[in-house]
Amino acid sequence: MSRFGGFGGLARRGRKTLTEEQIHSRNDLQQEKVDEVLSKQDARYDAMTEEERQQYYMKPSLKTKILKALRGQ
């Protein structure tokens, strides 16, 4: 019996089951990424003047909309 088969000549394998430790590590890493993004957003907000905040959040230009989309906001 050949171990090659399926699409592209590779054998299909099932998903591995994660241990509790791996799940917690993955969740902690995801939370760290969220915290990092939020801290960058907070820093950006704090660096803006009141007029810049009004323009950025209430009346964003096309450029601002594109930059937000690229950052994933």
PDB file of N, CA and C in Angstrom:
ATOM      1  N   MET A   1       0.848  -1.171   0.000  1.00  0.00           N
ATOM      2  CA  MET A   1       0.000   0.000   0.000  1.00  0.00           C
ATOM      3  C   MET A   1       0.895   1.235   0.000  1.00  0.00           C
ATOM      4  N   SER A   2       0.586   2.173  -0.843  1.00  0.00           N
ATOM      5  CA  SER A   2       1.405   3.368  -0.992  1.00  0.00           C
ATOM      6  C   SER A   2       0.998   4.437   0.017  1.00  0.00           C
ATOM      7  N   ARG A   3       2.003   5.127   0.559  1.00  0.00           N
ATOM      8  CA  ARG A   3       1.683   6.206   1.493  1.00  0.00           C
ATOM      9  C   ARG A   3       1.366   7.493   0.751  1.00  0.00           C
ATOM     10  N   PHE A   4       1.591   7.500  -0.561  1.00  0.00           N
ATOM     11  CA  PHE A   4       1.261   8.668  -1.372  1.00  0.00           C
ATOM     12  C   PHE A   4      -0.089   8.450  -2.013  1.00  0.00           C
ATOM     13  N   GLY A   5      -0.864   9.505  -2.073  1.00  0.00           N
ATOM     14  CA  GLY A   5      -2.175   9.410  -2.672  1.00  0.00           C
ATOM     15  C   GLY A   5      -2.909  10.716  -2.466  1.00  0.00           C
ATOM     16  N   GLY A   6      -4.128  10.759  -2.874  1.00  0.00           N
ATOM     17  CA  GLY A   6      -4.889  11.992  -2.710  1.00  0.00           C
ATOM     18  C   GLY A   6      -4.418  13.063  -3.673  1.00  0.00           C
ATOM     19  N   PHE A   7      -4.670  14.290  -3.371  1.00  0.00           N
ATOM     20  CA  PHE A   7      -4.308  15.396  -4.241  1.00  0.00           C
ATOM     21  C   PHE A   7      -2.837  15.742  -4.075  1.00  0.00           C
ATOM     22  N   GLY A   8      -2.141  15.910  -5.169  1.00  0.00           N
ATOM     23  CA  GLY A   8      -0.751  16.307  -5.124  1.00  0.00           C
ATOM     24  C   GLY A   8       0.197  15.213  -4.687  1.00  0.00           C
ATOM     25  N   GLY A   9      -0.268  14.001  -4.558  1.00  0.00           N
ATOM     26  CA  GLY A   9       0.593  12.899  -4.213  1.00  0.00           C
ATOM     27  C   GLY A   9       0.944  12.800  -2.739  1.00  0.00           C
ATOM     28  N   LEU A  10       0.324  13.590  -1.895  1.00  0.00           N
ATOM     29  CA  LEU A  10       0.617  13.531  -0.466  1.00  0.00           C
ATOM     30  C   LEU A  10      -0.521  12.857   0.283  1.00  0.00           C
ATOM     31  N   ALA A  11      -0.149  12.113   1.267  1.00  0.00           N
ATOM     32  CA  ALA A  11      -1.153  11.424   2.079  1.00  0.00           C
ATOM     33  C   ALA A  11      -1.863  12.443   2.957  1.00  0.00           C
ATOM     34  N   ARG A  12      -3.118  12.259   3.167  1.00  0.00           N
ATOM     35  CA  ARG A  12      -3.885  13.151   4.041  1.00  0.00           C
ATOM     36  C   ARG A  12      -3.685  12.735   5.482  1.00  0.00           C
ATOM     37  N   ARG A  13      -3.569  13.731   6.321  1.00  0.00           N
ATOM     38  CA  ARG A  13      -3.403  13.453   7.746  1.00  0.00           C
ATOM     39  C   ARG A  13      -4.455  14.229   8.514  1.00  0.00           C
ATOM     40  N   GLY A  14      -4.898  13.649   9.594  1.00  0.00           N
ATOM     41  CA  GLY A  14      -5.874  14.319  10.435  1.00  0.00           C
ATOM     42  C   GLY A  14      -5.226  15.409  11.274  1.00  0.00           C
ATOM     43  N   ARG A  15      -6.041  16.266  11.852  1.00  0.00           N
ATOM     44  CA  ARG A  15      -5.532  17.332  12.713  1.00  0.00           C
ATOM     45  C   ARG A  15      -5.062  16.743  14.025  1.00  0.00           C
ATOM     46  N   LYS A  16      -3.973  17.298  14.532  1.00  0.00           N
ATOM     47  CA  LYS A  16      -3.478  16.844  15.816  1.00  0.00           C
ATOM     48  C   LYS A  16      -4.298  17.464  16.926  1.00  0.00           C
ATOM     49  N   THR A  17      -4.492  16.726  17.980  1.00  0.00           N
ATOM     50  CA  THR A  17      -5.190  17.233  19.146  1.00  0.00           C
ATOM     51  C   THR A  17      -4.174  17.944  20.029  1.00  0.00           C
ATOM     52  N   LEU A  18      -4.518  19.162  20.434  1.00  0.00           N
ATOM     53  CA  LEU A  18      -3.614  19.946  21.265  1.00  0.00           C
ATOM     54  C   LEU A  18      -3.788  19.577  22.728  1.00  0.00           C
ATOM     55  N   THR A  19      -2.690  19.620  23.455  1.00  0.00           N
ATOM     56  CA  THR A  19      -2.756  19.381  24.889  1.00  0.00           C
ATOM     57  C   THR A  19      -3.260  20.647  25.578  1.00  0.00           C
ATOM     58  N   GLU A  20      -3.615  20.520  26.825  1.00  0.00           N
ATOM     59  CA  GLU A  20      -4.097  21.679  27.592  1.00  0.00           C
ATOM     60  C   GLU A  20      -3.028  22.767  27.645  1.00  0.00           C
ATOM     61  N   GLU A  21      -1.770  22.355  27.828  1.00  0.00           N
ATOM     62  CA  GLU A  21      -0.666  23.323  27.902  1.00  0.00           C
ATOM     63  C   GLU A  21      -0.517  24.083  26.579  1.00  0.00           C
ATOM     64  N   GLN A  22      -0.640  23.366  25.450  1.00  0.00           N
ATOM     65  CA  GLN A  22      -0.538  24.008  24.149  1.00  0.00           C
ATOM     66  C   GLN A  22      -1.687  24.986  23.919  1.00  0.00           C
ATOM     67  N   ILE A  23      -2.867  24.602  24.358  1.00  0.00           N
ATOM     68  CA  ILE A  23      -4.036  25.476  24.211  1.00  0.00           C
ATOM     69  C   ILE A  23      -3.843  26.749  25.020  1.00  0.00           C
ATOM     70  N   HIS A  24      -3.387  26.622  26.250  1.00  0.00           N
ATOM     71  CA  HIS A  24      -3.160  27.799  27.091  1.00  0.00           C
ATOM     72  C   HIS A  24      -2.055  28.679  26.522  1.00  0.00           C
ATOM     73  N   SER A  25      -0.995  28.073  26.009  1.00  0.00           N
ATOM     74  CA  SER A  25       0.098  28.838  25.408  1.00  0.00           C
ATOM     75  C   SER A  25      -0.393  29.608  24.189  1.00  0.00           C
ATOM     76  N   ARG A  26      -1.193  28.939  23.364  1.00  0.00           N
ATOM     77  CA  ARG A  26      -1.739  29.583  22.165  1.00  0.00           C
ATOM     78  C   ARG A  26      -2.650  30.743  22.548  1.00  0.00           C
ATOM     79  N   ASN A  27      -3.498  30.534  23.544  1.00  0.00           N
ATOM     80  CA  ASN A  27      -4.401  31.590  23.986  1.00  0.00           C
ATOM     81  C   ASN A  27      -3.637  32.761  24.582  1.00  0.00           C
ATOM     82  N   ASP A  28      -2.585  32.472  25.350  1.00  0.00           N
ATOM     83  CA  ASP A  28      -1.763  33.540  25.927  1.00  0.00           C
ATOM     84  C   ASP A  28      -1.080  34.344  24.836  1.00  0.00           C
ATOM     85  N   LEU A  29      -0.579  33.664  23.802  1.00  0.00           N
ATOM     86  CA  LEU A  29       0.080  34.341  22.691  1.00  0.00           C
ATOM     87  C   LEU A  29      -0.908  35.232  21.939  1.00  0.00           C
ATOM     88  N   GLN A  30      -2.117  34.729  21.721  1.00  0.00           N
ATOM     89  CA  GLN A  30      -3.135  35.532  21.040  1.00  0.00           C
ATOM     90  C   GLN A  30      -3.496  36.755  21.874  1.00  0.00           C
ATOM     91  N   GLN A  31      -3.583  36.596  23.186  1.00  0.00           N
ATOM     92  CA  GLN A  31      -3.910  37.725  24.053  1.00  0.00           C
ATOM     93  C   GLN A  31      -2.792  38.757  24.026  1.00  0.00           C
ATOM     94  N   GLU A  32      -1.541  38.302  23.973  1.00  0.00           N
ATOM     95  CA  GLU A  32      -0.412  39.228  23.885  1.00  0.00           C
ATOM     96  C   GLU A  32      -0.473  40.040  22.600  1.00  0.00           C
ATOM     97  N   LYS A  33      -0.856  39.386  21.501  1.00  0.00           N
ATOM     98  CA  LYS A  33      -0.971  40.093  20.227  1.00  0.00           C
ATOM     99  C   LYS A  33      -2.084  41.143  20.293  1.00  0.00           C
ATOM    100  N   VAL A  34      -3.208  40.794  20.906  1.00  0.00           N
ATOM    101  CA  VAL A  34      -4.317  41.742  21.062  1.00  0.00           C
ATOM    102  C   VAL A  34      -3.882  42.918  21.922  1.00  0.00           C
ATOM    103  N   ASP A  35      -3.191  42.637  23.018  1.00  0.00           N
ATOM    104  CA  ASP A  35      -2.706  43.709  23.899  1.00  0.00           C
ATOM    105  C   ASP A  35      -1.750  44.634  23.165  1.00  0.00           C
ATOM    106  N   GLU A  36      -0.891  44.067  22.316  1.00  0.00           N
ATOM    107  CA  GLU A  36       0.063  44.876  21.557  1.00  0.00           C
ATOM    108  C   GLU A  36      -0.655  45.803  20.580  1.00  0.00           C
ATOM    109  N   VAL A  37      -1.651  45.276  19.890  1.00  0.00           N
ATOM    110  CA  VAL A  37      -2.423  46.085  18.943  1.00  0.00           C
ATOM    111  C   VAL A  37      -3.149  47.200  19.677  1.00  0.00           C
ATOM    112  N   LEU A  38      -3.772  46.870  20.811  1.00  0.00           N
ATOM    113  CA  LEU A  38      -4.493  47.885  21.572  1.00  0.00           C
ATOM    114  C   LEU A  38      -3.561  48.965  22.108  1.00  0.00           C
ATOM    115  N   SER A  39      -2.377  48.576  22.526  1.00  0.00           N
ATOM    116  CA  SER A  39      -1.434  49.572  23.035  1.00  0.00           C
ATOM    117  C   SER A  39      -0.974  50.507  21.918  1.00  0.00           C
ATOM    118  N   LYS A  40      -0.804  49.963  20.705  1.00  0.00           N
ATOM    119  CA  LYS A  40      -0.440  50.814  19.568  1.00  0.00           C
ATOM    120  C   LYS A  40      -1.573  51.780  19.245  1.00  0.00           C
ATOM    121  N   GLN A  41      -2.815  51.302  19.299  1.00  0.00           N
ATOM    122  CA  GLN A  41      -3.963  52.172  19.040  1.00  0.00           C
ATOM    123  C   GLN A  41      -4.066  53.254  20.109  1.00  0.00           C
ATOM    124  N   ASP A  42      -3.847  52.893  21.357  1.00  0.00           N
ATOM    125  CA  ASP A  42      -3.892  53.870  22.446  1.00  0.00           C
ATOM    126  C   ASP A  42      -2.806  54.924  22.274  1.00  0.00           C
ATOM    127  N   ALA A  43      -1.616  54.488  21.902  1.00  0.00           N
ATOM    128  CA  ALA A  43      -0.511  55.429  21.706  1.00  0.00           C
ATOM    129  C   ALA A  43      -0.810  56.377  20.555  1.00  0.00           C
ATOM    130  N   ARG A  44      -1.388  55.857  19.489  1.00  0.00           N
ATOM    131  CA  ARG A  44      -1.755  56.685  18.344  1.00  0.00           C
ATOM    132  C   ARG A  44      -2.813  57.712  18.761  1.00  0.00           C
ATOM    133  N   TYR A  45      -3.798  57.270  19.518  1.00  0.00           N
ATOM    134  CA  TYR A  45      -4.868  58.160  19.974  1.00  0.00           C
ATOM    135  C   TYR A  45      -4.307  59.246  20.895  1.00  0.00           C
ATOM    136  N   ASP A  46      -3.439  58.863  21.824  1.00  0.00           N
ATOM    137  CA  ASP A  46      -2.870  59.824  22.773  1.00  0.00           C
ATOM    138  C   ASP A  46      -1.991  60.861  22.087  1.00  0.00           C
ATOM    139  N   ALA A  47      -1.367  60.484  20.969  1.00  0.00           N
ATOM    140  CA  ALA A  47      -0.478  61.401  20.266  1.00  0.00           C
ATOM    141  C   ALA A  47      -1.238  62.420  19.413  1.00  0.00           C
ATOM    142  N   MET A  48      -2.536  62.197  19.203  1.00  0.00           N
ATOM    143  CA  MET A  48      -3.334  63.093  18.364  1.00  0.00           C
ATOM    144  C   MET A  48      -3.855  64.279  19.166  1.00  0.00           C
ATOM    145  N   THR A  49      -4.003  65.393  18.439  1.00  0.00           N
ATOM    146  CA  THR A  49      -4.682  66.541  19.041  1.00  0.00           C
ATOM    147  C   THR A  49      -6.182  66.314  18.917  1.00  0.00           C
ATOM    148  N   GLU A  50      -6.962  67.141  19.565  1.00  0.00           N
ATOM    149  CA  GLU A  50      -8.428  66.988  19.512  1.00  0.00           C
ATOM    150  C   GLU A  50      -8.946  67.124  18.081  1.00  0.00           C
ATOM    151  N   GLU A  51      -8.375  68.048  17.310  1.00  0.00           N
ATOM    152  CA  GLU A  51      -8.800  68.241  15.916  1.00  0.00           C
ATOM    153  C   GLU A  51      -8.456  67.020  15.067  1.00  0.00           C
ATOM    154  N   GLU A  52      -7.257  66.456  15.297  1.00  0.00           N
ATOM    155  CA  GLU A  52      -6.854  65.260  14.555  1.00  0.00           C
ATOM    156  C   GLU A  52      -7.753  64.078  14.898  1.00  0.00           C
ATOM    157  N   ARG A  53      -8.134  63.954  16.152  1.00  0.00           N
ATOM    158  CA  ARG A  53      -9.044  62.868  16.550  1.00  0.00           C
ATOM    159  C   ARG A  53     -10.391  63.019  15.870  1.00  0.00           C
ATOM    160  N   GLN A  54     -10.892  64.235  15.843  1.00  0.00           N
ATOM    161  CA  GLN A  54     -12.189  64.507  15.205  1.00  0.00           C
ATOM    162  C   GLN A  54     -12.127  64.114  13.730  1.00  0.00           C
ATOM    163  N   GLN A  55     -11.058  64.522  13.056  1.00  0.00           N
ATOM    164  CA  GLN A  55     -10.923  64.222  11.639  1.00  0.00           C
ATOM    165  C   GLN A  55     -10.707  62.726  11.412  1.00  0.00           C
ATOM    166  N   TYR A  56      -9.904  62.094  12.234  1.00  0.00           N
ATOM    167  CA  TYR A  56      -9.563  60.684  12.062  1.00  0.00           C
ATOM    168  C   TYR A  56     -10.750  59.759  12.328  1.00  0.00           C
ATOM    169  N   TYR A  57     -11.491  60.045  13.401  1.00  0.00           N
ATOM    170  CA  TYR A  57     -12.568  59.137  13.801  1.00  0.00           C
ATOM    171  C   TYR A  57     -13.934  59.537  13.277  1.00  0.00           C
ATOM    172  N   MET A  58     -14.208  60.816  13.180  1.00  0.00           N
ATOM    173  CA  MET A  58     -15.552  61.257  12.797  1.00  0.00           C
ATOM    174  C   MET A  58     -15.687  61.524  11.299  1.00  0.00           C
ATOM    175  N   LYS A  59     -14.637  62.047  10.663  1.00  0.00           N
ATOM    176  CA  LYS A  59     -14.686  62.379   9.241  1.00  0.00           C
ATOM    177  C   LYS A  59     -13.419  61.881   8.549  1.00  0.00           C
ATOM    178  N   PRO A  60     -13.219  60.569   8.488  1.00  0.00           N
ATOM    179  CA  PRO A  60     -11.971  60.056   7.911  1.00  0.00           C
ATOM    180  C   PRO A  60     -11.916  60.268   6.398  1.00  0.00           C
ATOM    181  N   SER A  61     -10.735  60.615   5.910  1.00  0.00           N
ATOM    182  CA  SER A  61     -10.528  60.768   4.473  1.00  0.00           C
ATOM    183  C   SER A  61     -10.345  59.381   3.855  1.00  0.00           C
ATOM    184  N   LEU A  62     -10.300  59.357   2.537  1.00  0.00           N
ATOM    185  CA  LEU A  62     -10.090  58.083   1.844  1.00  0.00           C
ATOM    186  C   LEU A  62      -8.742  57.486   2.245  1.00  0.00           C
ATOM    187  N   LYS A  63      -7.720  58.329   2.350  1.00  0.00           N
ATOM    188  CA  LYS A  63      -6.393  57.862   2.764  1.00  0.00           C
ATOM    189  C   LYS A  63      -6.457  57.225   4.153  1.00  0.00           C
ATOM    190  N   THR A  64      -7.161  57.876   5.073  1.00  0.00           N
ATOM    191  CA  THR A  64      -7.295  57.350   6.433  1.00  0.00           C
ATOM    192  C   THR A  64      -8.035  56.020   6.424  1.00  0.00           C
ATOM    193  N   LYS A  65      -9.081  55.925   5.620  1.00  0.00           N
ATOM    194  CA  LYS A  65      -9.845  54.671   5.525  1.00  0.00           C
ATOM    195  C   LYS A  65      -8.969  53.535   5.005  1.00  0.00           C
ATOM    196  N   ILE A  66      -8.132  53.835   4.006  1.00  0.00           N
ATOM    197  CA  ILE A  66      -7.244  52.816   3.441  1.00  0.00           C
ATOM    198  C   ILE A  66      -6.211  52.389   4.478  1.00  0.00           C
ATOM    199  N   LEU A  67      -5.607  53.370   5.185  1.00  0.00           N
ATOM    200  CA  LEU A  67      -4.616  53.034   6.195  1.00  0.00           C
ATOM    201  C   LEU A  67      -5.232  52.197   7.315  1.00  0.00           C
ATOM    202  N   LYS A  68      -6.453  52.526   7.706  1.00  0.00           N
ATOM    203  CA  LYS A  68      -7.137  51.727   8.742  1.00  0.00           C
ATOM    204  C   LYS A  68      -7.348  50.293   8.248  1.00  0.00           C
ATOM    205  N   ALA A  69      -7.751  50.158   6.991  1.00  0.00           N
ATOM    206  CA  ALA A  69      -7.985  48.824   6.435  1.00  0.00           C
ATOM    207  C   ALA A  69      -6.692  48.020   6.400  1.00  0.00           C
ATOM    208  N   LEU A  70      -5.582  48.673   6.050  1.00  0.00           N
ATOM    209  CA  LEU A  70      -4.305  47.965   6.021  1.00  0.00           C
ATOM    210  C   LEU A  70      -3.866  47.527   7.405  1.00  0.00           C
ATOM    211  N   ARG A  71      -4.195  48.300   8.425  1.00  0.00           N
ATOM    212  CA  ARG A  71      -3.863  47.942   9.798  1.00  0.00           C
ATOM    213  C   ARG A  71      -4.855  46.928  10.368  1.00  0.00           C
ATOM    214  N   GLY A  72      -5.952  46.706   9.672  1.00  0.00           N
ATOM    215  CA  GLY A  72      -6.928  45.717  10.110  1.00  0.00           C
ATOM    216  C   GLY A  72      -7.914  46.259  11.132  1.00  0.00           C
ATOM    217  N   GLN A  73      -8.211  47.532  11.056  1.00  0.00           N
ATOM    218  CA  GLN A  73      -9.153  48.122  12.016  1.00  0.00           C
ATOM    219  C   GLN A  73     -10.528  48.223  11.414  1.00  0.00           C
TER     220      GLN A  73
END
